[in-house]
């Protein structure tokens, strides 16, 4: 009898401990990481430790690999889900909700001592296109006015959504890039590289530039109208920073959302994304966008409004209109 009571008590303790340690697993984009990490911190405080949220950084592509293997509940993504990833999720029976959470200004940066202040898309392409590999190695090959100095390139790794988006926007094809550059899915590695070399240039999400303004200088991008435009909330909203303004997302596993802790986390995210996106220097979406996300969850509107491509040039209003048709 005593053993039965003891066993029952032990099971109750184990069940209680398991309940006390509910987990939400997130992984993916380093660009989206600052927003999701801020949400996770505030959410965990609100639950007083009852729910643990882990947020990893394996790049958008790496995150989707885990997502489509059912290893995580939420994928951070700095570009829409691609066709191959959609197919992988479908094969594994993974359905999902696509929730845009903010807009980013993909930022090209140089060392503060660099003389470079602006670049055209054509000049960026000359640096980064596949044919440049082993050939374009000096700044004067991009433009004689830039002087005789070695061209040191730092950029996103191939598992990064930022890599997919940048190559689509600049080189005209996703994943088409020279390979002889310092690559990393960790944007802090790129920040350090550019900050230490006067001849360096790199690219990553605006939040990482904003956190390191004393170490980096942003480059104005010459847009299709011939205007040299710096990344900012204003230029993202008015569309003048295209083609490097982009939506960023979280993708939520539909099965995971049935768990109370995941639903609580995602609801908390939608209620606080605007404030926290601003805090980490991204451009929040209008309130109606977050409301639409919640409606999609409530009405079980699954899937993506993109065609499986790393599409460029989508404005905030176009994104909202497209999501409304899901």
C-alpha atoms as a PDB file:
ATOM      1  CA  UNK A   1       0.000   0.000   0.000  1.00  0.00           C
ATOM      2  CA  UNK A   2       2.792   2.362   0.967  1.00  0.00           C
ATOM      3  CA  UNK A   3       4.597   1.575  -2.295  1.00  0.00           C
ATOM      4  CA  UNK A   4       1.446   2.400  -4.294  1.00  0.00           C
ATOM      5  CA  UNK A   5       1.035   5.705  -2.509  1.00  0.00           C
ATOM      6  CA  UNK A   6       4.733   6.479  -2.957  1.00  0.00           C
ATOM      7  CA  UNK A   7       4.607   5.608  -6.658  1.00  0.00           C
ATOM      8  CA  UNK A   8       1.520   7.771  -7.151  1.00  0.00           C
ATOM      9  CA  UNK A   9       3.178  10.664  -5.384  1.00  0.00           C
ATOM     10  CA  UNK A  10       6.307  10.253  -7.501  1.00  0.00           C
ATOM     11  CA  UNK A  11       4.283  10.248 -10.704  1.00  0.00           C
ATOM     12  CA  UNK A  12       2.481  13.388  -9.569  1.00  0.00           C
ATOM     13  CA  UNK A  13       5.818  15.118  -8.937  1.00  0.00           C
ATOM     14  CA  UNK A  14       7.153  14.058 -12.340  1.00  0.00           C
ATOM     15  CA  UNK A  15       3.955  15.223 -14.078  1.00  0.00           C
ATOM     16  CA  UNK A  16       4.080  18.506 -12.202  1.00  0.00           C
ATOM     17  CA  UNK A  17       7.730  19.046 -13.150  1.00  0.00           C
ATOM     18  CA  UNK A  18       6.992  18.252 -16.788  1.00  0.00           C
ATOM     19  CA  UNK A  19       4.140  20.728 -16.757  1.00  0.00           C
ATOM     20  CA  UNK A  20       6.333  23.359 -15.109  1.00  0.00           C
ATOM     21  CA  UNK A  21       8.917  22.960 -17.861  1.00  0.00           C
ATOM     22  CA  UNK A  22       6.833  23.471 -20.978  1.00  0.00           C
ATOM     23  CA  UNK A  23       9.028  24.363 -23.944  1.00  0.00           C
ATOM     24  CA  UNK A  24       8.613  26.328 -27.158  1.00  0.00           C
ATOM     25  CA  UNK A  25      11.419  25.697 -29.647  1.00  0.00           C
ATOM     26  CA  UNK A  26      12.329  28.382 -32.181  1.00  0.00           C
ATOM     27  CA  UNK A  27      15.194  28.430 -34.686  1.00  0.00           C
ATOM     28  CA  UNK A  28      16.163  30.001 -37.999  1.00  0.00           C
ATOM     29  CA  UNK A  29      17.003  33.491 -39.211  1.00  0.00           C
ATOM     30  CA  UNK A  30      19.622  35.597 -37.459  1.00  0.00           C
ATOM     31  CA  UNK A  31      17.820  38.652 -38.865  1.00  0.00           C
ATOM     32  CA  UNK A  32      14.546  37.776 -37.141  1.00  0.00           C
ATOM     33  CA  UNK A  33      16.361  36.618 -33.997  1.00  0.00           C
ATOM     34  CA  UNK A  34      16.471  40.041 -32.247  1.00  0.00           C
ATOM     35  CA  UNK A  35      12.676  40.414 -32.464  1.00  0.00           C
ATOM     36  CA  UNK A  36      11.853  36.849 -31.439  1.00  0.00           C
ATOM     37  CA  UNK A  37      14.441  36.857 -28.648  1.00  0.00           C
ATOM     38  CA  UNK A  38      12.935  40.086 -27.251  1.00  0.00           C
ATOM     39  CA  UNK A  39       9.448  38.537 -27.427  1.00  0.00           C
ATOM     40  CA  UNK A  40      10.721  35.332 -25.803  1.00  0.00           C
ATOM     41  CA  UNK A  41      12.307  37.225 -22.901  1.00  0.00           C
ATOM     42  CA  UNK A  42       9.165  39.217 -22.155  1.00  0.00           C
ATOM     43  CA  UNK A  43       6.929  36.184 -22.608  1.00  0.00           C
ATOM     44  CA  UNK A  44       8.962  34.085 -20.178  1.00  0.00           C
ATOM     45  CA  UNK A  45       8.743  36.864 -17.609  1.00  0.00           C
ATOM     46  CA  UNK A  46       4.976  36.974 -18.094  1.00  0.00           C
ATOM     47  CA  UNK A  47       4.704  33.222 -17.420  1.00  0.00           C
ATOM     48  CA  UNK A  48       7.084  33.471 -14.434  1.00  0.00           C
ATOM     49  CA  UNK A  49       9.220  30.699 -15.838  1.00  0.00           C
ATOM     50  CA  UNK A  50       6.406  28.223 -16.465  1.00  0.00           C
ATOM     51  CA  UNK A  51       7.264  28.171 -20.177  1.00  0.00           C
ATOM     52  CA  UNK A  52      10.814  28.104 -21.551  1.00  0.00           C
ATOM     53  CA  UNK A  53      11.402  29.498 -25.033  1.00  0.00           C
ATOM     54  CA  UNK A  54      14.643  28.547 -26.786  1.00  0.00           C
ATOM     55  CA  UNK A  55      15.667  30.662 -29.800  1.00  0.00           C
ATOM     56  CA  UNK A  56      18.438  29.331 -32.031  1.00  0.00           C
ATOM     57  CA  UNK A  57      20.270  30.821 -35.007  1.00  0.00           C
ATOM     58  CA  UNK A  58      20.880  28.409 -37.877  1.00  0.00           C
ATOM     59  CA  UNK A  59      19.830  30.718 -40.718  1.00  0.00           C
ATOM     60  CA  UNK A  60      16.458  30.766 -42.458  1.00  0.00           C
ATOM     61  CA  UNK A  61      17.327  27.706 -44.536  1.00  0.00           C
ATOM     62  CA  UNK A  62      18.692  25.833 -41.527  1.00  0.00           C
ATOM     63  CA  UNK A  63      15.595  26.734 -39.545  1.00  0.00           C
ATOM     64  CA  UNK A  64      13.252  25.451 -42.252  1.00  0.00           C
ATOM     65  CA  UNK A  65      15.182  22.167 -42.392  1.00  0.00           C
ATOM     66  CA  UNK A  66      14.504  21.673 -38.681  1.00  0.00           C
ATOM     67  CA  UNK A  67      10.929  22.930 -39.069  1.00  0.00           C
ATOM     68  CA  UNK A  68      10.155  20.437 -41.836  1.00  0.00           C
ATOM     69  CA  UNK A  69      11.678  17.630 -39.730  1.00  0.00           C
ATOM     70  CA  UNK A  70       9.275  18.548 -36.921  1.00  0.00           C
ATOM     71  CA  UNK A  71      12.179  19.472 -34.620  1.00  0.00           C
ATOM     72  CA  UNK A  72      10.975  22.987 -33.779  1.00  0.00           C
ATOM     73  CA  UNK A  73       7.648  24.721 -33.211  1.00  0.00           C
ATOM     74  CA  UNK A  74       8.425  28.068 -34.849  1.00  0.00           C
ATOM     75  CA  UNK A  75      10.786  29.020 -37.681  1.00  0.00           C
ATOM     76  CA  UNK A  76      12.236  32.526 -37.923  1.00  0.00           C
ATOM     77  CA  UNK A  77      12.509  33.482 -41.596  1.00  0.00           C
ATOM     78  CA  UNK A  78      13.931  36.541 -43.349  1.00  0.00           C
ATOM     79  CA  UNK A  79      12.306  35.508 -46.631  1.00  0.00           C
ATOM     80  CA  UNK A  80       9.238  33.464 -47.576  1.00  0.00           C
ATOM     81  CA  UNK A  81       9.342  29.683 -47.532  1.00  0.00           C
ATOM     82  CA  UNK A  82      10.782  28.268 -50.782  1.00  0.00           C
ATOM     83  CA  UNK A  83       9.285  25.571 -53.025  1.00  0.00           C
ATOM     84  CA  UNK A  84      11.752  22.880 -51.929  1.00  0.00           C
ATOM     85  CA  UNK A  85      10.996  23.644 -48.275  1.00  0.00           C
ATOM     86  CA  UNK A  86       7.260  23.576 -48.975  1.00  0.00           C
ATOM     87  CA  UNK A  87       7.707  20.147 -50.576  1.00  0.00           C
ATOM     88  CA  UNK A  88       9.800  18.873 -47.654  1.00  0.00           C
ATOM     89  CA  UNK A  89       7.176  20.015 -45.149  1.00  0.00           C
ATOM     90  CA  UNK A  90       4.373  18.469 -47.215  1.00  0.00           C
ATOM     91  CA  UNK A  91       6.196  15.108 -47.362  1.00  0.00           C
ATOM     92  CA  UNK A  92       6.569  15.170 -43.583  1.00  0.00           C
ATOM     93  CA  UNK A  93       2.927  16.166 -43.057  1.00  0.00           C
ATOM     94  CA  UNK A  94       3.906  19.542 -41.599  1.00  0.00           C
ATOM     95  CA  UNK A  95       1.353  22.309 -42.138  1.00  0.00           C
ATOM     96  CA  UNK A  96       2.013  25.850 -41.023  1.00  0.00           C
ATOM     97  CA  UNK A  97       0.909  29.427 -40.555  1.00  0.00           C
ATOM     98  CA  UNK A  98       2.880  32.225 -42.230  1.00  0.00           C
ATOM     99  CA  UNK A  99       2.953  35.327 -40.010  1.00  0.00           C
ATOM    100  CA  UNK A 100       4.791  38.479 -41.142  1.00  0.00           C
ATOM    101  CA  UNK A 101       6.111  40.292 -38.066  1.00  0.00           C
ATOM    102  CA  UNK A 102       8.009  43.368 -39.343  1.00  0.00           C
ATOM    103  CA  UNK A 103       9.930  44.908 -42.227  1.00  0.00           C
ATOM    104  CA  UNK A 104      13.705  45.022 -42.432  1.00  0.00           C
ATOM    105  CA  UNK A 105      16.045  47.253 -44.378  1.00  0.00           C
ATOM    106  CA  UNK A 106      18.759  44.898 -45.572  1.00  0.00           C
ATOM    107  CA  UNK A 107      21.771  47.100 -44.934  1.00  0.00           C
ATOM    108  CA  UNK A 108      25.041  47.340 -46.854  1.00  0.00           C
ATOM    109  CA  UNK A 109      27.840  48.524 -44.575  1.00  0.00           C
ATOM    110  CA  UNK A 110      31.471  49.552 -44.817  1.00  0.00           C
ATOM    111  CA  UNK A 111      34.167  50.436 -42.323  1.00  0.00           C
ATOM    112  CA  UNK A 112      33.709  53.939 -40.829  1.00  0.00           C
ATOM    113  CA  UNK A 113      37.028  55.012 -42.387  1.00  0.00           C
ATOM    114  CA  UNK A 114      35.941  53.955 -45.879  1.00  0.00           C
ATOM    115  CA  UNK A 115      35.421  56.660 -48.509  1.00  0.00           C
ATOM    116  CA  UNK A 116      32.441  54.765 -49.971  1.00  0.00           C
ATOM    117  CA  UNK A 117      29.121  56.545 -49.297  1.00  0.00           C
ATOM    118  CA  UNK A 118      26.793  55.166 -51.984  1.00  0.00           C
ATOM    119  CA  UNK A 119      26.540  52.290 -54.429  1.00  0.00           C
ATOM    120  CA  UNK A 120      24.214  51.352 -57.263  1.00  0.00           C
ATOM    121  CA  UNK A 121      22.675  47.919 -57.692  1.00  0.00           C
ATOM    122  CA  UNK A 122      24.891  47.521 -60.771  1.00  0.00           C
ATOM    123  CA  UNK A 123      28.015  48.204 -58.714  1.00  0.00           C
ATOM    124  CA  UNK A 124      26.927  45.751 -56.035  1.00  0.00           C
ATOM    125  CA  UNK A 125      26.287  43.163 -58.723  1.00  0.00           C
ATOM    126  CA  UNK A 126      29.754  43.729 -60.118  1.00  0.00           C
ATOM    127  CA  UNK A 127      31.136  42.812 -56.690  1.00  0.00           C
ATOM    128  CA  UNK A 128      28.869  39.903 -55.836  1.00  0.00           C
ATOM    129  CA  UNK A 129      27.826  38.127 -59.056  1.00  0.00           C
ATOM    130  CA  UNK A 130      29.208  34.598 -59.666  1.00  0.00           C
ATOM    131  CA  UNK A 131      31.427  35.795 -62.529  1.00  0.00           C
ATOM    132  CA  UNK A 132      33.229  38.143 -60.134  1.00  0.00           C
ATOM    133  CA  UNK A 133      34.790  35.228 -58.253  1.00  0.00           C
ATOM    134  CA  UNK A 134      38.577  35.448 -58.379  1.00  0.00           C
ATOM    135  CA  UNK A 135      38.371  38.351 -60.832  1.00  0.00           C
ATOM    136  CA  UNK A 136      36.919  41.421 -59.120  1.00  0.00           C
ATOM    137  CA  UNK A 137      39.325  41.716 -56.198  1.00  0.00           C
ATOM    138  CA  UNK A 138      40.054  45.443 -56.072  1.00  0.00           C
ATOM    139  CA  UNK A 139      37.828  48.439 -55.403  1.00  0.00           C
ATOM    140  CA  UNK A 140      39.058  50.162 -58.589  1.00  0.00           C
ATOM    141  CA  UNK A 141      37.578  47.304 -60.629  1.00  0.00           C
ATOM    142  CA  UNK A 142      34.146  48.299 -59.346  1.00  0.00           C
ATOM    143  CA  UNK A 143      34.780  51.973 -60.098  1.00  0.00           C
ATOM    144  CA  UNK A 144      38.160  53.643 -60.795  1.00  0.00           C
ATOM    145  CA  UNK A 145      37.095  56.482 -58.504  1.00  0.00           C
ATOM    146  CA  UNK A 146      37.129  54.087 -55.539  1.00  0.00           C
ATOM    147  CA  UNK A 147      40.927  53.839 -55.646  1.00  0.00           C
ATOM    148  CA  UNK A 148      43.464  51.025 -55.560  1.00  0.00           C
ATOM    149  CA  UNK A 149      42.615  48.917 -52.528  1.00  0.00           C
ATOM    150  CA  UNK A 150      41.807  45.215 -51.984  1.00  0.00           C
ATOM    151  CA  UNK A 151      38.088  44.407 -51.951  1.00  0.00           C
ATOM    152  CA  UNK A 152      37.239  42.490 -48.764  1.00  0.00           C
ATOM    153  CA  UNK A 153      33.762  40.972 -48.843  1.00  0.00           C
ATOM    154  CA  UNK A 154      31.677  39.796 -45.880  1.00  0.00           C
ATOM    155  CA  UNK A 155      28.206  38.343 -46.380  1.00  0.00           C
ATOM    156  CA  UNK A 156      25.534  35.921 -45.321  1.00  0.00           C
ATOM    157  CA  UNK A 157      26.119  32.176 -45.535  1.00  0.00           C
ATOM    158  CA  UNK A 158      24.193  30.020 -47.992  1.00  0.00           C
ATOM    159  CA  UNK A 159      21.726  28.805 -45.319  1.00  0.00           C
ATOM    160  CA  UNK A 160      20.699  32.404 -44.643  1.00  0.00           C
ATOM    161  CA  UNK A 161      17.476  33.954 -45.914  1.00  0.00           C
ATOM    162  CA  UNK A 162      19.416  37.197 -46.173  1.00  0.00           C
ATOM    163  CA  UNK A 163      21.727  35.463 -48.677  1.00  0.00           C
ATOM    164  CA  UNK A 164      18.711  34.314 -50.707  1.00  0.00           C
ATOM    165  CA  UNK A 165      17.106  37.747 -50.668  1.00  0.00           C
ATOM    166  CA  UNK A 166      20.282  39.736 -51.386  1.00  0.00           C
ATOM    167  CA  UNK A 167      21.314  37.539 -54.305  1.00  0.00           C
ATOM    168  CA  UNK A 168      17.806  37.738 -55.794  1.00  0.00           C
ATOM    169  CA  UNK A 169      17.675  41.530 -55.392  1.00  0.00           C
ATOM    170  CA  UNK A 170      21.219  42.267 -56.578  1.00  0.00           C
ATOM    171  CA  UNK A 171      22.234  39.412 -58.894  1.00  0.00           C
ATOM    172  CA  UNK A 172      18.772  38.614 -60.226  1.00  0.00           C
ATOM    173  CA  UNK A 173      18.738  35.006 -59.037  1.00  0.00           C
ATOM    174  CA  UNK A 174      18.431  33.561 -55.556  1.00  0.00           C
ATOM    175  CA  UNK A 175      21.632  31.853 -54.323  1.00  0.00           C
ATOM    176  CA  UNK A 176      23.649  33.094 -57.333  1.00  0.00           C
ATOM    177  CA  UNK A 177      26.797  34.562 -55.788  1.00  0.00           C
ATOM    178  CA  UNK A 178      30.547  34.460 -55.886  1.00  0.00           C
ATOM    179  CA  UNK A 179      31.848  32.101 -53.221  1.00  0.00           C
ATOM    180  CA  UNK A 180      35.201  33.682 -52.342  1.00  0.00           C
ATOM    181  CA  UNK A 181      34.073  35.855 -49.454  1.00  0.00           C
ATOM    182  CA  UNK A 182      33.855  35.555 -45.684  1.00  0.00           C
ATOM    183  CA  UNK A 183      30.448  33.977 -45.081  1.00  0.00           C
ATOM    184  CA  UNK A 184      28.507  33.403 -41.873  1.00  0.00           C
ATOM    185  CA  UNK A 185      24.937  32.824 -40.700  1.00  0.00           C
ATOM    186  CA  UNK A 186      25.936  34.751 -37.543  1.00  0.00           C
ATOM    187  CA  UNK A 187      25.675  38.454 -38.357  1.00  0.00           C
ATOM    188  CA  UNK A 188      27.886  39.366 -35.399  1.00  0.00           C
ATOM    189  CA  UNK A 189      30.783  37.641 -37.180  1.00  0.00           C
ATOM    190  CA  UNK A 190      30.179  39.874 -40.212  1.00  0.00           C
ATOM    191  CA  UNK A 191      29.942  42.987 -38.029  1.00  0.00           C
ATOM    192  CA  UNK A 192      33.348  42.236 -36.521  1.00  0.00           C
ATOM    193  CA  UNK A 193      34.890  41.539 -39.920  1.00  0.00           C
ATOM    194  CA  UNK A 194      33.777  44.821 -41.506  1.00  0.00           C
ATOM    195  CA  UNK A 195      34.571  46.869 -38.402  1.00  0.00           C
ATOM    196  CA  UNK A 196      38.189  45.666 -38.411  1.00  0.00           C
ATOM    197  CA  UNK A 197      39.076  46.245 -42.079  1.00  0.00           C
ATOM    198  CA  UNK A 198      39.010  49.661 -43.775  1.00  0.00           C
ATOM    199  CA  UNK A 199      38.592  47.970 -47.185  1.00  0.00           C
ATOM    200  CA  UNK A 200      35.687  45.750 -46.149  1.00  0.00           C
ATOM    201  CA  UNK A 201      32.049  45.739 -47.224  1.00  0.00           C
ATOM    202  CA  UNK A 202      29.243  43.511 -45.997  1.00  0.00           C
ATOM    203  CA  UNK A 203      25.480  43.160 -45.708  1.00  0.00           C
ATOM    204  CA  UNK A 204      22.965  42.028 -43.067  1.00  0.00           C
ATOM    205  CA  UNK A 205      19.733  43.033 -41.341  1.00  0.00           C
ATOM    206  CA  UNK A 206      19.315  46.618 -40.124  1.00  0.00           C
ATOM    207  CA  UNK A 207      19.142  45.631 -36.430  1.00  0.00           C
ATOM    208  CA  UNK A 208      22.782  44.531 -36.491  1.00  0.00           C
ATOM    209  CA  UNK A 209      23.869  47.834 -38.026  1.00  0.00           C
ATOM    210  CA  UNK A 210      21.774  49.757 -35.473  1.00  0.00           C
ATOM    211  CA  UNK A 211      23.444  47.871 -32.612  1.00  0.00           C
ATOM    212  CA  UNK A 212      26.899  48.685 -33.995  1.00  0.00           C
ATOM    213  CA  UNK A 213      26.626  52.197 -35.428  1.00  0.00           C
ATOM    214  CA  UNK A 214      29.901  53.220 -33.793  1.00  0.00           C
ATOM    215  CA  UNK A 215      31.727  50.444 -35.694  1.00  0.00           C
ATOM    216  CA  UNK A 216      30.040  50.617 -39.112  1.00  0.00           C
ATOM    217  CA  UNK A 217      28.908  53.044 -41.814  1.00  0.00           C
ATOM    218  CA  UNK A 218      25.760  52.399 -43.880  1.00  0.00           C
ATOM    219  CA  UNK A 219      25.953  52.745 -47.655  1.00  0.00           C
ATOM    220  CA  UNK A 220      23.194  54.605 -49.493  1.00  0.00           C
ATOM    221  CA  UNK A 221      21.695  52.498 -52.294  1.00  0.00           C
ATOM    222  CA  UNK A 222      20.877  54.183 -55.601  1.00  0.00           C
ATOM    223  CA  UNK A 223      17.304  53.117 -56.366  1.00  0.00           C
ATOM    224  CA  UNK A 224      15.521  52.759 -59.719  1.00  0.00           C
ATOM    225  CA  UNK A 225      14.700  56.483 -59.713  1.00  0.00           C
ATOM    226  CA  UNK A 226      18.360  57.446 -59.348  1.00  0.00           C
ATOM    227  CA  UNK A 227      18.104  58.584 -55.736  1.00  0.00           C
ATOM    228  CA  UNK A 228      20.761  57.520 -53.219  1.00  0.00           C
ATOM    229  CA  UNK A 229      18.741  56.276 -50.245  1.00  0.00           C
ATOM    230  CA  UNK A 230      19.903  55.273 -46.790  1.00  0.00           C
ATOM    231  CA  UNK A 231      18.058  52.575 -44.834  1.00  0.00           C
ATOM    232  CA  UNK A 232      15.560  53.953 -42.312  1.00  0.00           C
ATOM    233  CA  UNK A 233      12.004  53.454 -41.113  1.00  0.00           C
ATOM    234  CA  UNK A 234      10.855  56.290 -43.392  1.00  0.00           C
ATOM    235  CA  UNK A 235      12.524  54.939 -46.548  1.00  0.00           C
ATOM    236  CA  UNK A 236      11.184  51.435 -45.887  1.00  0.00           C
ATOM    237  CA  UNK A 237       7.633  52.703 -45.400  1.00  0.00           C
ATOM    238  CA  UNK A 238       7.635  55.022 -48.435  1.00  0.00           C
ATOM    239  CA  UNK A 239       9.165  52.303 -50.649  1.00  0.00           C
ATOM    240  CA  UNK A 240      12.204  54.331 -51.703  1.00  0.00           C
ATOM    241  CA  UNK A 241      14.649  51.823 -50.168  1.00  0.00           C
ATOM    242  CA  UNK A 242      13.613  49.069 -52.578  1.00  0.00           C
ATOM    243  CA  UNK A 243      14.876  46.572 -53.597  1.00  0.00           C
ATOM    244  CA  UNK A 244      16.490  45.972 -50.177  1.00  0.00           C
ATOM    245  CA  UNK A 245      13.404  46.518 -47.978  1.00  0.00           C
ATOM    246  CA  UNK A 246      11.810  43.183 -47.109  1.00  0.00           C
ATOM    247  CA  UNK A 247       9.240  41.535 -44.850  1.00  0.00           C
ATOM    248  CA  UNK A 248      10.407  39.165 -42.135  1.00  0.00           C
ATOM    249  CA  UNK A 249       8.329  36.284 -40.776  1.00  0.00           C
ATOM    250  CA  UNK A 250       7.710  33.573 -38.274  1.00  0.00           C
ATOM    251  CA  UNK A 251       6.240  30.246 -39.441  1.00  0.00           C
ATOM    252  CA  UNK A 252       4.275  28.259 -36.869  1.00  0.00           C
ATOM    253  CA  UNK A 253       3.782  24.497 -36.997  1.00  0.00           C
ATOM    254  CA  UNK A 254      -0.001  23.961 -37.002  1.00  0.00           C
ATOM    255  CA  UNK A 255       0.259  20.870 -34.800  1.00  0.00           C
ATOM    256  CA  UNK A 256       2.468  22.706 -32.313  1.00  0.00           C
ATOM    257  CA  UNK A 257      -0.071  25.521 -32.124  1.00  0.00           C
ATOM    258  CA  UNK A 258      -2.522  23.070 -30.541  1.00  0.00           C
ATOM    259  CA  UNK A 259      -0.293  23.053 -27.459  1.00  0.00           C
ATOM    260  CA  UNK A 260      -1.339  25.754 -25.006  1.00  0.00           C
ATOM    261  CA  UNK A 261       2.169  27.109 -24.437  1.00  0.00           C
ATOM    262  CA  UNK A 262       2.829  27.573 -28.160  1.00  0.00           C
ATOM    263  CA  UNK A 263      -0.504  29.313 -28.720  1.00  0.00           C
ATOM    264  CA  UNK A 264       0.169  31.575 -25.732  1.00  0.00           C
ATOM    265  CA  UNK A 265       3.620  32.449 -27.094  1.00  0.00           C
ATOM    266  CA  UNK A 266       2.343  33.217 -30.600  1.00  0.00           C
ATOM    267  CA  UNK A 267      -0.567  35.315 -29.260  1.00  0.00           C
ATOM    268  CA  UNK A 268       1.886  37.208 -27.059  1.00  0.00           C
ATOM    269  CA  UNK A 269       4.122  37.719 -30.115  1.00  0.00           C
ATOM    270  CA  UNK A 270       1.295  39.248 -32.160  1.00  0.00           C
ATOM    271  CA  UNK A 271       0.279  41.570 -29.306  1.00  0.00           C
ATOM    272  CA  UNK A 272       3.820  42.810 -28.690  1.00  0.00           C
ATOM    273  CA  UNK A 273       5.557  42.560 -32.075  1.00  0.00           C
ATOM    274  CA  UNK A 274       4.996  46.204 -32.981  1.00  0.00           C
ATOM    275  CA  UNK A 275       6.638  47.547 -29.823  1.00  0.00           C
ATOM    276  CA  UNK A 276       9.479  45.042 -29.741  1.00  0.00           C
ATOM    277  CA  UNK A 277      10.222  45.301 -33.476  1.00  0.00           C
ATOM    278  CA  UNK A 278      10.675  49.054 -32.974  1.00  0.00           C
ATOM    279  CA  UNK A 279      12.924  48.470 -29.972  1.00  0.00           C
ATOM    280  CA  UNK A 280      15.320  46.339 -32.032  1.00  0.00           C
ATOM    281  CA  UNK A 281      15.197  48.888 -34.902  1.00  0.00           C
ATOM    282  CA  UNK A 282      12.962  47.101 -37.381  1.00  0.00           C
ATOM    283  CA  UNK A 283       9.881  48.669 -38.968  1.00  0.00           C
ATOM    284  CA  UNK A 284       6.681  47.430 -37.328  1.00  0.00           C
ATOM    285  CA  UNK A 285       3.683  46.535 -39.457  1.00  0.00           C
ATOM    286  CA  UNK A 286       0.366  48.396 -39.084  1.00  0.00           C
ATOM    287  CA  UNK A 287      -1.895  47.077 -36.308  1.00  0.00           C
ATOM    288  CA  UNK A 288      -4.252  45.547 -38.893  1.00  0.00           C
ATOM    289  CA  UNK A 289      -1.477  43.220 -40.060  1.00  0.00           C
ATOM    290  CA  UNK A 290      -1.033  41.664 -36.620  1.00  0.00           C
ATOM    291  CA  UNK A 291      -4.813  41.428 -36.252  1.00  0.00           C
ATOM    292  CA  UNK A 292      -4.970  39.629 -39.599  1.00  0.00           C
ATOM    293  CA  UNK A 293      -2.300  37.183 -38.393  1.00  0.00           C
ATOM    294  CA  UNK A 294      -4.396  36.337 -35.340  1.00  0.00           C
ATOM    295  CA  UNK A 295      -7.498  35.903 -37.519  1.00  0.00           C
ATOM    296  CA  UNK A 296      -5.549  33.475 -39.719  1.00  0.00           C
ATOM    297  CA  UNK A 297      -4.716  31.433 -36.621  1.00  0.00           C
ATOM    298  CA  UNK A 298      -8.316  31.473 -35.404  1.00  0.00           C
ATOM    299  CA  UNK A 299      -9.710  30.539 -38.816  1.00  0.00           C
ATOM    300  CA  UNK A 300      -6.962  27.984 -39.502  1.00  0.00           C
ATOM    301  CA  UNK A 301      -5.774  29.723 -42.676  1.00  0.00           C
ATOM    302  CA  UNK A 302      -2.690  27.670 -43.444  1.00  0.00           C
ATOM    303  CA  UNK A 303       0.042  28.089 -46.031  1.00  0.00           C
ATOM    304  CA  UNK A 304       1.897  30.909 -47.735  1.00  0.00           C
ATOM    305  CA  UNK A 305       0.809  33.816 -49.936  1.00  0.00           C
ATOM    306  CA  UNK A 306       4.127  33.660 -51.800  1.00  0.00           C
ATOM    307  CA  UNK A 307       4.884  31.300 -54.657  1.00  0.00           C
ATOM    308  CA  UNK A 308       7.882  29.607 -53.128  1.00  0.00           C
ATOM    309  CA  UNK A 309      10.298  32.301 -54.303  1.00  0.00           C
ATOM    310  CA  UNK A 310      12.575  34.768 -52.477  1.00  0.00           C
ATOM    311  CA  UNK A 311      10.491  37.568 -53.950  1.00  0.00           C
ATOM    312  CA  UNK A 312      11.874  41.116 -53.861  1.00  0.00           C
ATOM    313  CA  UNK A 313      10.287  44.571 -53.916  1.00  0.00           C
ATOM    314  CA  UNK A 314       7.102  43.792 -51.946  1.00  0.00           C
ATOM    315  CA  UNK A 315       5.894  46.874 -50.053  1.00  0.00           C
ATOM    316  CA  UNK A 316       4.131  46.872 -46.698  1.00  0.00           C
ATOM    317  CA  UNK A 317       0.740  47.639 -48.245  1.00  0.00           C
ATOM    318  CA  UNK A 318       1.197  44.975 -50.915  1.00  0.00           C
ATOM    319  CA  UNK A 319       2.070  42.441 -48.238  1.00  0.00           C
ATOM    320  CA  UNK A 320      -1.026  43.276 -46.203  1.00  0.00           C
ATOM    321  CA  UNK A 321      -3.273  43.083 -49.278  1.00  0.00           C
ATOM    322  CA  UNK A 322      -1.784  39.744 -50.254  1.00  0.00           C
ATOM    323  CA  UNK A 323      -2.107  38.250 -46.766  1.00  0.00           C
ATOM    324  CA  UNK A 324      -5.756  39.351 -46.681  1.00  0.00           C
ATOM    325  CA  UNK A 325      -6.470  37.044 -49.634  1.00  0.00           C
ATOM    326  CA  UNK A 326      -5.138  33.924 -47.917  1.00  0.00           C
END
